[in-house]
Amino acid sequence: MNMDDRSPWLSWAVELQALAQAGLAYGHDRFDMERYERIRSIAAEMLAYKSDIPADKVRDLFCGETGYQTPKLDTRAAIFEGGKILLVRELDGCWSLPGGWVDVDQSVGDNAVKEVREEAGLEARAEFLIAVQDRDRHNVPVYAHKICKVFVMCTALGGAFHESSETTASGWFSLDGLPPLAENKTTAEQIKMCFEAHKAEHWVTRFD
């Protein structure tokens, strides 16, 4: 789900949802629980009212978690060969670093390796952490749920691309010859950062 990042109501709705979810996780009084449920519904209704997504769909996407709300994790793998970086082509024709949501049974490094295998057909080894970024500060559009993007430098160990349900091609690109990017996942600035990490003798992990 994405919204206009210039609209303060999005931040209000997200905060209301987070507060309601925390209340439902730690509250005990049944009357308070009813109030938290109503606040959560209002937050979903706000998003549905300002978008073209039905309220029931918003609740499924926005209010489906339990426990204290924390950001989701997204890994992106940076792999280089001959001074060029590996990108995969999404179903919409745009390109990105191989990556995706961190599965609950995977570490960050293992998940980066898994995504490279699934999206690019390569076996890889995770080497070091390039950056941990608040997605809202670097990618557009803004999402209703908070995301931390984790960039991992990896080394390819072998394999070959095969088309999947998520990607239709892979390729190696120079920084000055990038294809159209899926900027909701990968920006030119993020790729530039990966090139800098690849060339650095001693890289210091970036975070925000």
N, C-alpha and C. Protein backbone atom coordinates (compact mmCIF):
# COMPACT_ATOMS: atom_id res chain seq x y z
N MET A 1 0.86 -1.19 0.00
CA MET A 1 0.00 0.00 0.00
C MET A 1 0.89 1.23 0.00
N ASN A 2 0.57 2.23 -0.83
CA ASN A 2 1.36 3.45 -0.83
C ASN A 2 0.46 4.66 -0.79
N MET A 3 1.00 5.71 -0.24
CA MET A 3 0.24 6.94 -0.08
C MET A 3 1.13 8.12 -0.43
N ASP A 4 0.52 9.28 -0.50
CA ASP A 4 1.24 10.51 -0.79
C ASP A 4 2.07 10.90 0.43
N ASP A 5 3.41 10.94 0.27
CA ASP A 5 4.26 11.22 1.43
C ASP A 5 4.17 12.67 1.88
N ARG A 6 3.43 13.51 1.17
CA ARG A 6 3.26 14.90 1.60
C ARG A 6 2.04 15.06 2.51
N SER A 7 1.30 14.00 2.74
CA SER A 7 0.05 14.09 3.50
C SER A 7 0.26 13.71 4.96
N PRO A 8 0.09 14.64 5.89
CA PRO A 8 0.31 14.31 7.31
C PRO A 8 -0.67 13.29 7.84
N TRP A 9 -1.84 13.14 7.22
CA TRP A 9 -2.82 12.18 7.71
C TRP A 9 -2.28 10.75 7.66
N LEU A 10 -1.35 10.48 6.72
CA LEU A 10 -0.77 9.14 6.66
C LEU A 10 0.00 8.83 7.94
N SER A 11 0.81 9.79 8.38
CA SER A 11 1.57 9.60 9.63
C SER A 11 0.62 9.45 10.81
N TRP A 12 -0.47 10.22 10.80
CA TRP A 12 -1.43 10.11 11.91
C TRP A 12 -2.07 8.72 11.93
N ALA A 13 -2.47 8.24 10.76
CA ALA A 13 -3.11 6.92 10.69
C ALA A 13 -2.16 5.81 11.12
N VAL A 14 -0.92 5.91 10.67
CA VAL A 14 0.07 4.90 11.04
C VAL A 14 0.31 4.90 12.54
N GLU A 15 0.42 6.10 13.13
CA GLU A 15 0.65 6.18 14.58
C GLU A 15 -0.55 5.66 15.36
N LEU A 16 -1.77 6.00 14.92
CA LEU A 16 -2.97 5.48 15.57
C LEU A 16 -3.01 3.96 15.54
N GLN A 17 -2.68 3.38 14.39
CA GLN A 17 -2.66 1.93 14.25
C GLN A 17 -1.64 1.32 15.20
N ALA A 18 -0.44 1.89 15.28
CA ALA A 18 0.60 1.35 16.14
C ALA A 18 0.20 1.42 17.62
N LEU A 19 -0.39 2.55 18.01
CA LEU A 19 -0.83 2.70 19.40
C LEU A 19 -1.94 1.70 19.73
N ALA A 20 -2.87 1.54 18.80
CA ALA A 20 -3.96 0.59 19.03
C ALA A 20 -3.44 -0.83 19.11
N GLN A 21 -2.48 -1.17 18.25
CA GLN A 21 -1.94 -2.53 18.26
C GLN A 21 -1.20 -2.81 19.56
N ALA A 22 -0.45 -1.83 20.07
CA ALA A 22 0.23 -2.00 21.35
C ALA A 22 -0.78 -2.16 22.48
N GLY A 23 -1.85 -1.37 22.41
CA GLY A 23 -2.88 -1.49 23.44
C GLY A 23 -3.53 -2.85 23.44
N LEU A 24 -3.79 -3.38 22.24
CA LEU A 24 -4.38 -4.72 22.14
C LEU A 24 -3.42 -5.80 22.63
N ALA A 25 -2.11 -5.55 22.48
CA ALA A 25 -1.12 -6.55 22.90
C ALA A 25 -0.94 -6.57 24.41
N TYR A 26 -1.05 -5.41 25.06
CA TYR A 26 -0.70 -5.34 26.48
C TYR A 26 -1.87 -4.98 27.39
N GLY A 27 -2.99 -4.57 26.79
CA GLY A 27 -4.14 -4.21 27.61
C GLY A 27 -4.87 -5.42 28.16
N HIS A 28 -5.68 -5.19 29.20
CA HIS A 28 -6.43 -6.28 29.83
C HIS A 28 -7.91 -5.93 30.01
N ASP A 29 -8.20 -4.68 30.27
CA ASP A 29 -9.58 -4.28 30.49
C ASP A 29 -10.38 -4.44 29.20
N ARG A 30 -11.51 -5.14 29.28
CA ARG A 30 -12.24 -5.44 28.05
C ARG A 30 -12.81 -4.19 27.39
N PHE A 31 -13.13 -3.18 28.20
CA PHE A 31 -13.65 -1.94 27.62
C PHE A 31 -12.54 -1.19 26.87
N ASP A 32 -11.33 -1.21 27.45
CA ASP A 32 -10.19 -0.60 26.76
C ASP A 32 -9.90 -1.35 25.46
N MET A 33 -10.02 -2.67 25.49
CA MET A 33 -9.75 -3.47 24.29
C MET A 33 -10.72 -3.10 23.17
N GLU A 34 -11.97 -2.85 23.54
CA GLU A 34 -12.95 -2.43 22.55
C GLU A 34 -12.57 -1.08 21.96
N ARG A 35 -12.07 -0.19 22.82
CA ARG A 35 -11.66 1.14 22.34
C ARG A 35 -10.47 1.02 21.40
N TYR A 36 -9.50 0.17 21.75
CA TYR A 36 -8.33 -0.01 20.88
C TYR A 36 -8.73 -0.58 19.52
N GLU A 37 -9.68 -1.52 19.54
CA GLU A 37 -10.17 -2.08 18.28
C GLU A 37 -10.81 -0.99 17.43
N ARG A 38 -11.57 -0.11 18.08
CA ARG A 38 -12.23 0.96 17.34
C ARG A 38 -11.20 1.95 16.79
N ILE A 39 -10.18 2.28 17.56
CA ILE A 39 -9.13 3.17 17.07
C ILE A 39 -8.44 2.56 15.87
N ARG A 40 -8.20 1.26 15.94
CA ARG A 40 -7.56 0.56 14.82
C ARG A 40 -8.45 0.61 13.57
N SER A 41 -9.73 0.45 13.76
CA SER A 41 -10.66 0.52 12.64
C SER A 41 -10.69 1.92 12.03
N ILE A 42 -10.65 2.94 12.89
CA ILE A 42 -10.63 4.31 12.40
C ILE A 42 -9.39 4.57 11.55
N ALA A 43 -8.24 4.07 12.01
CA ALA A 43 -7.01 4.24 11.25
C ALA A 43 -7.14 3.60 9.86
N ALA A 44 -7.72 2.41 9.82
CA ALA A 44 -7.93 1.73 8.53
C ALA A 44 -8.91 2.50 7.66
N GLU A 45 -9.96 3.03 8.26
CA GLU A 45 -10.96 3.80 7.52
C GLU A 45 -10.35 5.07 6.93
N MET A 46 -9.43 5.69 7.68
CA MET A 46 -8.74 6.88 7.18
C MET A 46 -7.96 6.55 5.91
N LEU A 47 -7.24 5.44 5.94
CA LEU A 47 -6.47 5.05 4.77
C LEU A 47 -7.37 4.70 3.59
N ALA A 48 -8.46 3.98 3.87
CA ALA A 48 -9.38 3.60 2.81
C ALA A 48 -10.05 4.84 2.20
N TYR A 49 -10.40 5.82 3.04
CA TYR A 49 -11.07 7.02 2.58
C TYR A 49 -10.17 7.84 1.66
N LYS A 50 -8.87 7.85 1.94
CA LYS A 50 -7.94 8.67 1.16
C LYS A 50 -7.26 7.89 0.03
N SER A 51 -7.68 6.65 -0.17
CA SER A 51 -7.12 5.86 -1.26
C SER A 51 -8.26 5.14 -1.98
N ASP A 52 -7.89 4.36 -2.99
CA ASP A 52 -8.90 3.61 -3.72
C ASP A 52 -8.96 2.15 -3.29
N ILE A 53 -8.43 1.87 -2.09
CA ILE A 53 -8.40 0.50 -1.58
C ILE A 53 -9.58 0.29 -0.64
N PRO A 54 -10.37 -0.77 -0.82
CA PRO A 54 -11.51 -1.02 0.06
C PRO A 54 -11.08 -1.16 1.52
N ALA A 55 -11.96 -0.77 2.43
CA ALA A 55 -11.63 -0.78 3.85
C ALA A 55 -11.24 -2.17 4.34
N ASP A 56 -11.94 -3.20 3.86
CA ASP A 56 -11.61 -4.57 4.29
C ASP A 56 -10.20 -4.95 3.86
N LYS A 57 -9.80 -4.53 2.66
CA LYS A 57 -8.45 -4.82 2.18
C LYS A 57 -7.42 -4.06 3.00
N VAL A 58 -7.72 -2.82 3.34
CA VAL A 58 -6.81 -2.03 4.17
C VAL A 58 -6.61 -2.70 5.52
N ARG A 59 -7.71 -3.18 6.12
CA ARG A 59 -7.58 -3.85 7.42
C ARG A 59 -6.70 -5.08 7.32
N ASP A 60 -6.84 -5.84 6.24
CA ASP A 60 -6.02 -7.03 6.06
C ASP A 60 -4.54 -6.67 5.97
N LEU A 61 -4.22 -5.59 5.23
CA LEU A 61 -2.84 -5.19 5.03
C LEU A 61 -2.25 -4.44 6.21
N PHE A 62 -3.09 -3.61 6.82
CA PHE A 62 -2.62 -2.61 7.77
C PHE A 62 -2.82 -3.04 9.22
N CYS A 63 -3.80 -3.89 9.46
CA CYS A 63 -4.16 -4.22 10.85
C CYS A 63 -4.09 -5.72 11.11
N GLY A 64 -3.26 -6.43 10.39
CA GLY A 64 -3.24 -7.87 10.51
C GLY A 64 -2.23 -8.41 11.49
N GLU A 65 -1.42 -7.56 12.09
CA GLU A 65 -0.37 -8.03 12.99
C GLU A 65 -0.83 -7.99 14.44
N THR A 66 -0.11 -8.74 15.27
CA THR A 66 -0.34 -8.71 16.71
C THR A 66 0.98 -8.40 17.40
N GLY A 67 0.90 -8.07 18.69
CA GLY A 67 2.10 -7.73 19.43
C GLY A 67 2.52 -6.31 19.17
N TYR A 68 3.65 -5.92 19.76
CA TYR A 68 4.16 -4.57 19.58
C TYR A 68 4.62 -4.39 18.14
N GLN A 69 4.16 -3.31 17.49
CA GLN A 69 4.46 -3.12 16.08
C GLN A 69 5.89 -2.64 15.88
N THR A 70 6.62 -3.33 15.02
CA THR A 70 7.99 -2.96 14.69
C THR A 70 8.14 -2.93 13.17
N PRO A 71 9.21 -2.30 12.65
CA PRO A 71 9.39 -2.25 11.20
C PRO A 71 9.60 -3.63 10.61
N LYS A 72 9.20 -3.78 9.35
CA LYS A 72 9.51 -4.98 8.60
C LYS A 72 10.93 -4.87 8.06
N LEU A 73 11.57 -6.01 7.81
CA LEU A 73 12.93 -6.04 7.28
C LEU A 73 12.94 -6.48 5.82
N ASP A 74 13.69 -5.75 5.01
CA ASP A 74 13.86 -6.08 3.59
C ASP A 74 15.35 -6.16 3.32
N THR A 75 15.84 -7.29 2.78
CA THR A 75 17.25 -7.39 2.44
C THR A 75 17.46 -7.14 0.95
N ARG A 76 18.59 -6.53 0.63
CA ARG A 76 19.01 -6.31 -0.75
C ARG A 76 20.47 -6.73 -0.88
N ALA A 77 20.76 -7.59 -1.84
CA ALA A 77 22.10 -8.13 -2.02
C ALA A 77 22.84 -7.38 -3.12
N ALA A 78 24.09 -7.00 -2.83
CA ALA A 78 24.95 -6.36 -3.82
C ALA A 78 26.03 -7.35 -4.22
N ILE A 79 26.05 -7.73 -5.51
CA ILE A 79 27.04 -8.67 -6.03
C ILE A 79 27.71 -8.03 -7.24
N PHE A 80 29.05 -8.11 -7.29
CA PHE A 80 29.80 -7.47 -8.36
C PHE A 80 30.59 -8.51 -9.17
N GLU A 81 30.74 -8.19 -10.45
CA GLU A 81 31.55 -9.00 -11.36
C GLU A 81 32.10 -8.09 -12.45
N GLY A 82 33.41 -8.07 -12.57
CA GLY A 82 34.02 -7.22 -13.59
C GLY A 82 33.68 -5.76 -13.43
N GLY A 83 33.55 -5.30 -12.21
CA GLY A 83 33.25 -3.89 -11.96
C GLY A 83 31.81 -3.51 -12.18
N LYS A 84 30.93 -4.50 -12.41
CA LYS A 84 29.52 -4.22 -12.62
C LYS A 84 28.68 -4.91 -11.54
N ILE A 85 27.49 -4.37 -11.30
CA ILE A 85 26.62 -4.87 -10.24
C ILE A 85 25.47 -5.70 -10.83
N LEU A 86 25.07 -6.71 -10.08
CA LEU A 86 23.98 -7.59 -10.52
C LEU A 86 22.63 -6.97 -10.20
N LEU A 87 21.76 -6.91 -11.20
CA LEU A 87 20.38 -6.47 -11.01
C LEU A 87 19.45 -7.51 -11.63
N VAL A 88 18.23 -7.56 -11.13
CA VAL A 88 17.23 -8.48 -11.68
C VAL A 88 16.04 -7.66 -12.18
N ARG A 89 15.41 -8.17 -13.23
CA ARG A 89 14.27 -7.45 -13.82
C ARG A 89 12.97 -7.97 -13.22
N GLU A 90 12.20 -7.02 -12.66
CA GLU A 90 10.91 -7.36 -12.05
C GLU A 90 9.87 -7.61 -13.13
N LEU A 91 8.70 -8.08 -12.72
CA LEU A 91 7.63 -8.39 -13.67
C LEU A 91 7.14 -7.16 -14.41
N ASP A 92 7.30 -5.97 -13.82
CA ASP A 92 6.85 -4.75 -14.48
C ASP A 92 7.88 -4.18 -15.44
N GLY A 93 9.02 -4.88 -15.61
CA GLY A 93 10.04 -4.43 -16.54
C GLY A 93 11.13 -3.57 -15.93
N CYS A 94 10.96 -3.16 -14.68
CA CYS A 94 11.98 -2.36 -14.00
C CYS A 94 12.95 -3.28 -13.25
N TRP A 95 14.10 -2.73 -12.88
CA TRP A 95 15.19 -3.53 -12.31
C TRP A 95 15.47 -3.16 -10.86
N SER A 96 16.01 -4.11 -10.12
CA SER A 96 16.34 -3.86 -8.71
C SER A 96 17.45 -4.79 -8.27
N LEU A 97 18.02 -4.50 -7.11
CA LEU A 97 18.93 -5.45 -6.47
C LEU A 97 18.11 -6.66 -6.03
N PRO A 98 18.66 -7.87 -6.12
CA PRO A 98 17.92 -9.04 -5.63
C PRO A 98 17.59 -8.86 -4.15
N GLY A 99 16.36 -9.18 -3.77
CA GLY A 99 16.01 -9.02 -2.37
C GLY A 99 14.54 -9.22 -2.10
N GLY A 100 14.18 -9.07 -0.82
CA GLY A 100 12.80 -9.23 -0.41
C GLY A 100 12.68 -9.29 1.09
N TRP A 101 11.46 -9.57 1.56
CA TRP A 101 11.20 -9.63 3.00
C TRP A 101 12.07 -10.70 3.67
N VAL A 102 12.52 -10.41 4.88
CA VAL A 102 13.26 -11.39 5.66
C VAL A 102 12.27 -12.39 6.24
N ASP A 103 12.43 -13.65 5.90
CA ASP A 103 11.56 -14.70 6.42
C ASP A 103 11.84 -14.91 7.92
N VAL A 104 10.81 -15.35 8.64
CA VAL A 104 10.93 -15.47 10.09
C VAL A 104 11.96 -16.51 10.51
N ASP A 105 12.28 -17.45 9.63
CA ASP A 105 13.25 -18.50 9.98
C ASP A 105 14.62 -18.24 9.39
N GLN A 106 14.87 -17.00 8.92
CA GLN A 106 16.14 -16.68 8.29
C GLN A 106 16.84 -15.53 9.01
N SER A 107 18.17 -15.59 9.06
CA SER A 107 18.93 -14.43 9.49
C SER A 107 19.01 -13.45 8.32
N VAL A 108 19.49 -12.25 8.59
CA VAL A 108 19.62 -11.25 7.52
C VAL A 108 20.54 -11.76 6.42
N GLY A 109 21.71 -12.30 6.81
CA GLY A 109 22.64 -12.80 5.81
C GLY A 109 22.09 -13.97 5.02
N ASP A 110 21.47 -14.92 5.73
CA ASP A 110 20.90 -16.08 5.05
C ASP A 110 19.78 -15.67 4.10
N ASN A 111 19.01 -14.68 4.50
CA ASN A 111 17.90 -14.24 3.65
C ASN A 111 18.41 -13.58 2.38
N ALA A 112 19.48 -12.79 2.49
CA ALA A 112 20.06 -12.16 1.31
C ALA A 112 20.53 -13.22 0.32
N VAL A 113 21.18 -14.27 0.84
CA VAL A 113 21.65 -15.37 0.00
C VAL A 113 20.47 -16.09 -0.64
N LYS A 114 19.42 -16.32 0.12
CA LYS A 114 18.22 -17.00 -0.38
C LYS A 114 17.59 -16.20 -1.52
N GLU A 115 17.49 -14.89 -1.36
CA GLU A 115 16.88 -14.05 -2.39
C GLU A 115 17.71 -14.05 -3.67
N VAL A 116 19.02 -14.08 -3.54
CA VAL A 116 19.87 -14.15 -4.73
C VAL A 116 19.61 -15.46 -5.47
N ARG A 117 19.49 -16.53 -4.72
CA ARG A 117 19.22 -17.83 -5.35
C ARG A 117 17.87 -17.83 -6.05
N GLU A 118 16.85 -17.31 -5.38
CA GLU A 118 15.50 -17.35 -5.92
C GLU A 118 15.31 -16.39 -7.09
N GLU A 119 15.90 -15.20 -7.02
CA GLU A 119 15.63 -14.17 -8.02
C GLU A 119 16.66 -14.11 -9.14
N ALA A 120 17.92 -14.55 -8.86
CA ALA A 120 18.97 -14.46 -9.87
C ALA A 120 19.55 -15.82 -10.24
N GLY A 121 19.17 -16.87 -9.53
CA GLY A 121 19.65 -18.20 -9.87
C GLY A 121 21.08 -18.48 -9.45
N LEU A 122 21.67 -17.61 -8.63
CA LEU A 122 23.06 -17.76 -8.23
C LEU A 122 23.18 -18.21 -6.78
N GLU A 123 24.19 -19.03 -6.52
CA GLU A 123 24.58 -19.32 -5.15
C GLU A 123 25.51 -18.20 -4.71
N ALA A 124 25.39 -17.78 -3.47
CA ALA A 124 26.18 -16.64 -3.02
C ALA A 124 26.59 -16.81 -1.56
N ARG A 125 27.52 -15.97 -1.15
CA ARG A 125 27.96 -15.94 0.25
C ARG A 125 27.87 -14.50 0.75
N ALA A 126 27.23 -14.30 1.89
CA ALA A 126 27.13 -12.96 2.48
C ALA A 126 28.48 -12.58 3.09
N GLU A 127 28.95 -11.36 2.80
CA GLU A 127 30.27 -10.93 3.25
C GLU A 127 30.22 -9.90 4.38
N PHE A 128 29.51 -8.78 4.14
CA PHE A 128 29.43 -7.76 5.19
C PHE A 128 28.23 -6.86 4.95
N LEU A 129 27.89 -6.11 5.99
CA LEU A 129 26.73 -5.23 5.96
C LEU A 129 27.13 -3.87 5.37
N ILE A 130 26.42 -3.47 4.32
CA ILE A 130 26.69 -2.18 3.70
C ILE A 130 25.95 -1.06 4.42
N ALA A 131 24.64 -1.27 4.65
CA ALA A 131 23.83 -0.20 5.25
C ALA A 131 22.52 -0.75 5.77
N VAL A 132 21.98 -0.03 6.75
CA VAL A 132 20.62 -0.25 7.23
C VAL A 132 19.90 1.09 7.07
N GLN A 133 18.87 1.13 6.23
CA GLN A 133 18.21 2.38 5.91
C GLN A 133 16.73 2.37 6.28
N ASP A 134 16.26 3.52 6.74
CA ASP A 134 14.83 3.75 6.89
C ASP A 134 14.28 3.97 5.48
N ARG A 135 13.44 3.04 5.01
CA ARG A 135 12.98 3.11 3.63
C ARG A 135 12.32 4.44 3.29
N ASP A 136 11.55 5.00 4.22
CA ASP A 136 10.82 6.23 3.94
C ASP A 136 11.74 7.39 3.60
N ARG A 137 13.01 7.33 4.04
CA ARG A 137 13.95 8.40 3.77
C ARG A 137 14.64 8.27 2.42
N HIS A 138 14.47 7.12 1.77
CA HIS A 138 15.26 6.86 0.56
C HIS A 138 14.45 6.39 -0.64
N ASN A 139 13.29 5.78 -0.41
CA ASN A 139 12.52 5.22 -1.52
C ASN A 139 11.12 5.81 -1.56
N VAL A 140 10.56 5.87 -2.74
CA VAL A 140 9.19 6.35 -2.93
C VAL A 140 8.41 5.26 -3.65
N PRO A 141 7.08 5.24 -3.45
CA PRO A 141 6.30 6.08 -2.54
C PRO A 141 6.40 5.59 -1.10
N VAL A 142 5.89 6.40 -0.18
CA VAL A 142 5.85 6.03 1.22
C VAL A 142 4.81 4.93 1.42
N TYR A 143 5.14 3.95 2.25
CA TYR A 143 4.21 2.87 2.55
C TYR A 143 3.54 3.11 3.90
N ALA A 144 2.41 2.45 4.11
CA ALA A 144 1.69 2.59 5.38
C ALA A 144 2.36 1.81 6.50
N HIS A 145 3.23 0.86 6.16
CA HIS A 145 3.97 0.14 7.19
C HIS A 145 5.45 0.52 7.09
N LYS A 146 6.11 0.57 8.23
CA LYS A 146 7.51 0.98 8.29
C LYS A 146 8.42 -0.17 7.85
N ILE A 147 9.48 0.17 7.12
CA ILE A 147 10.40 -0.84 6.60
C ILE A 147 11.84 -0.39 6.83
N CYS A 148 12.68 -1.32 7.28
CA CYS A 148 14.12 -1.12 7.32
C CYS A 148 14.73 -1.94 6.19
N LYS A 149 15.50 -1.29 5.34
CA LYS A 149 16.17 -1.95 4.23
C LYS A 149 17.61 -2.26 4.64
N VAL A 150 18.01 -3.51 4.48
CA VAL A 150 19.35 -3.95 4.88
C VAL A 150 20.11 -4.37 3.62
N PHE A 151 21.19 -3.67 3.33
CA PHE A 151 22.00 -3.95 2.14
C PHE A 151 23.20 -4.80 2.54
N VAL A 152 23.37 -5.93 1.85
CA VAL A 152 24.40 -6.91 2.20
C VAL A 152 25.32 -7.14 1.01
N MET A 153 26.62 -6.97 1.22
CA MET A 153 27.58 -7.30 0.16
C MET A 153 27.72 -8.82 0.10
N CYS A 154 27.59 -9.37 -1.11
CA CYS A 154 27.67 -10.81 -1.29
C CYS A 154 28.66 -11.15 -2.40
N THR A 155 29.14 -12.37 -2.37
CA THR A 155 30.01 -12.89 -3.42
C THR A 155 29.30 -14.03 -4.13
N ALA A 156 29.27 -14.00 -5.46
CA ALA A 156 28.64 -15.07 -6.23
C ALA A 156 29.56 -16.28 -6.25
N LEU A 157 28.98 -17.46 -6.08
CA LEU A 157 29.74 -18.70 -6.04
C LEU A 157 29.47 -19.59 -7.25
N GLY A 158 28.50 -19.22 -8.06
CA GLY A 158 28.17 -20.03 -9.23
C GLY A 158 26.68 -20.05 -9.47
N GLY A 159 26.28 -20.71 -10.55
CA GLY A 159 24.86 -20.80 -10.88
C GLY A 159 24.55 -20.06 -12.16
N ALA A 160 23.28 -20.05 -12.52
CA ALA A 160 22.83 -19.38 -13.75
C ALA A 160 21.40 -18.92 -13.57
N PHE A 161 21.05 -17.83 -14.24
CA PHE A 161 19.69 -17.28 -14.09
C PHE A 161 18.65 -18.22 -14.68
N HIS A 162 17.53 -18.30 -13.99
CA HIS A 162 16.35 -18.98 -14.52
C HIS A 162 15.13 -18.14 -14.14
N GLU A 163 14.24 -17.95 -15.07
CA GLU A 163 13.07 -17.10 -14.85
C GLU A 163 12.24 -17.65 -13.69
N SER A 164 11.71 -16.73 -12.87
CA SER A 164 10.94 -17.13 -11.70
C SER A 164 9.60 -16.39 -11.68
N SER A 165 8.84 -16.61 -10.64
CA SER A 165 7.56 -15.92 -10.50
C SER A 165 7.74 -14.44 -10.18
N GLU A 166 8.98 -14.03 -9.85
CA GLU A 166 9.23 -12.64 -9.47
C GLU A 166 10.13 -11.89 -10.45
N THR A 167 10.98 -12.61 -11.17
CA THR A 167 11.95 -11.95 -12.05
C THR A 167 11.97 -12.60 -13.42
N THR A 168 12.24 -11.77 -14.44
CA THR A 168 12.24 -12.25 -15.82
C THR A 168 13.61 -12.21 -16.48
N ALA A 169 14.60 -11.59 -15.83
CA ALA A 169 15.95 -11.51 -16.39
C ALA A 169 16.91 -11.03 -15.31
N SER A 170 18.19 -11.23 -15.55
CA SER A 170 19.22 -10.65 -14.70
C SER A 170 20.30 -10.07 -15.60
N GLY A 171 21.11 -9.16 -15.05
CA GLY A 171 22.17 -8.56 -15.85
C GLY A 171 23.17 -7.84 -14.98
N TRP A 172 24.31 -7.53 -15.58
CA TRP A 172 25.37 -6.81 -14.87
C TRP A 172 25.47 -5.41 -15.45
N PHE A 173 25.51 -4.40 -14.58
CA PHE A 173 25.42 -3.01 -15.02
C PHE A 173 26.48 -2.14 -14.36
N SER A 174 27.00 -1.20 -15.14
CA SER A 174 27.89 -0.19 -14.60
C SER A 174 27.06 0.92 -13.97
N LEU A 175 27.68 1.74 -13.15
CA LEU A 175 26.95 2.80 -12.47
C LEU A 175 26.42 3.84 -13.46
N ASP A 176 27.13 4.04 -14.55
CA ASP A 176 26.67 5.02 -15.55
C ASP A 176 25.84 4.39 -16.66
N GLY A 177 25.44 3.13 -16.49
CA GLY A 177 24.63 2.48 -17.49
C GLY A 177 23.48 1.70 -16.89
N LEU A 178 22.85 2.28 -15.87
CA LEU A 178 21.78 1.59 -15.17
C LEU A 178 20.49 1.57 -16.00
N PRO A 179 19.73 0.49 -15.93
CA PRO A 179 18.45 0.39 -16.62
C PRO A 179 17.36 1.10 -15.81
N PRO A 180 16.13 1.18 -16.30
CA PRO A 180 15.04 1.75 -15.51
C PRO A 180 14.89 0.97 -14.19
N LEU A 181 14.87 1.68 -13.09
CA LEU A 181 14.87 1.04 -11.78
C LEU A 181 13.49 1.02 -11.14
N ALA A 182 13.23 -0.04 -10.38
CA ALA A 182 12.04 -0.12 -9.54
C ALA A 182 12.36 0.67 -8.26
N GLU A 183 12.11 1.98 -8.29
CA GLU A 183 12.60 2.85 -7.24
C GLU A 183 11.92 2.64 -5.90
N ASN A 184 10.81 1.90 -5.88
CA ASN A 184 10.23 1.55 -4.60
C ASN A 184 11.09 0.52 -3.88
N LYS A 185 12.00 -0.14 -4.63
CA LYS A 185 12.88 -1.15 -4.05
C LYS A 185 14.35 -0.74 -4.09
N THR A 186 14.77 -0.15 -5.19
CA THR A 186 16.19 0.18 -5.39
C THR A 186 16.31 1.49 -6.15
N THR A 187 17.10 2.41 -5.62
CA THR A 187 17.34 3.68 -6.30
C THR A 187 18.77 3.73 -6.82
N ALA A 188 19.02 4.68 -7.72
CA ALA A 188 20.38 4.87 -8.24
C ALA A 188 21.33 5.25 -7.12
N GLU A 189 20.84 6.03 -6.16
CA GLU A 189 21.69 6.44 -5.04
C GLU A 189 22.08 5.23 -4.18
N GLN A 190 21.16 4.30 -3.99
CA GLN A 190 21.47 3.10 -3.23
C GLN A 190 22.47 2.22 -3.97
N ILE A 191 22.34 2.14 -5.29
CA ILE A 191 23.31 1.38 -6.08
C ILE A 191 24.68 2.06 -6.02
N LYS A 192 24.71 3.38 -6.09
CA LYS A 192 25.97 4.12 -5.96
C LYS A 192 26.64 3.81 -4.63
N MET A 193 25.85 3.74 -3.56
CA MET A 193 26.39 3.39 -2.24
C MET A 193 27.04 2.00 -2.27
N CYS A 194 26.40 1.06 -2.96
CA CYS A 194 26.95 -0.30 -3.05
C CYS A 194 28.26 -0.30 -3.82
N PHE A 195 28.37 0.50 -4.89
CA PHE A 195 29.63 0.63 -5.61
C PHE A 195 30.72 1.18 -4.70
N GLU A 196 30.37 2.17 -3.90
CA GLU A 196 31.35 2.76 -2.97
C GLU A 196 31.82 1.73 -1.96
N ALA A 197 30.90 0.91 -1.47
CA ALA A 197 31.27 -0.14 -0.51
C ALA A 197 32.17 -1.18 -1.16
N HIS A 198 31.88 -1.49 -2.41
CA HIS A 198 32.68 -2.50 -3.15
C HIS A 198 34.11 -2.02 -3.35
N LYS A 199 34.28 -0.73 -3.58
CA LYS A 199 35.61 -0.18 -3.87
C LYS A 199 36.38 0.18 -2.61
N ALA A 200 35.69 0.31 -1.48
CA ALA A 200 36.34 0.76 -0.24
C ALA A 200 37.26 -0.32 0.33
N GLU A 201 38.39 0.11 0.85
CA GLU A 201 39.30 -0.83 1.51
C GLU A 201 38.76 -1.25 2.86
N HIS A 202 38.20 -0.30 3.58
CA HIS A 202 37.59 -0.58 4.89
C HIS A 202 36.25 0.14 4.94
N TRP A 203 35.18 -0.58 4.75
CA TRP A 203 33.85 0.04 4.69
C TRP A 203 33.26 0.12 6.10
N VAL A 204 32.68 1.28 6.41
CA VAL A 204 31.95 1.49 7.65
C VAL A 204 30.46 1.45 7.35
N THR A 205 29.73 0.54 7.99
CA THR A 205 28.31 0.39 7.74
C THR A 205 27.57 1.70 7.97
N ARG A 206 26.71 2.05 7.04
CA ARG A 206 25.90 3.26 7.17
C ARG A 206 24.52 2.90 7.75
N PHE A 207 23.98 3.83 8.49
CA PHE A 207 22.64 3.60 9.05
C PHE A 207 21.97 4.93 9.30
N ASP A 208 20.63 4.89 9.31
CA ASP A 208 19.87 6.11 9.65
C ASP A 208 18.57 5.71 10.33
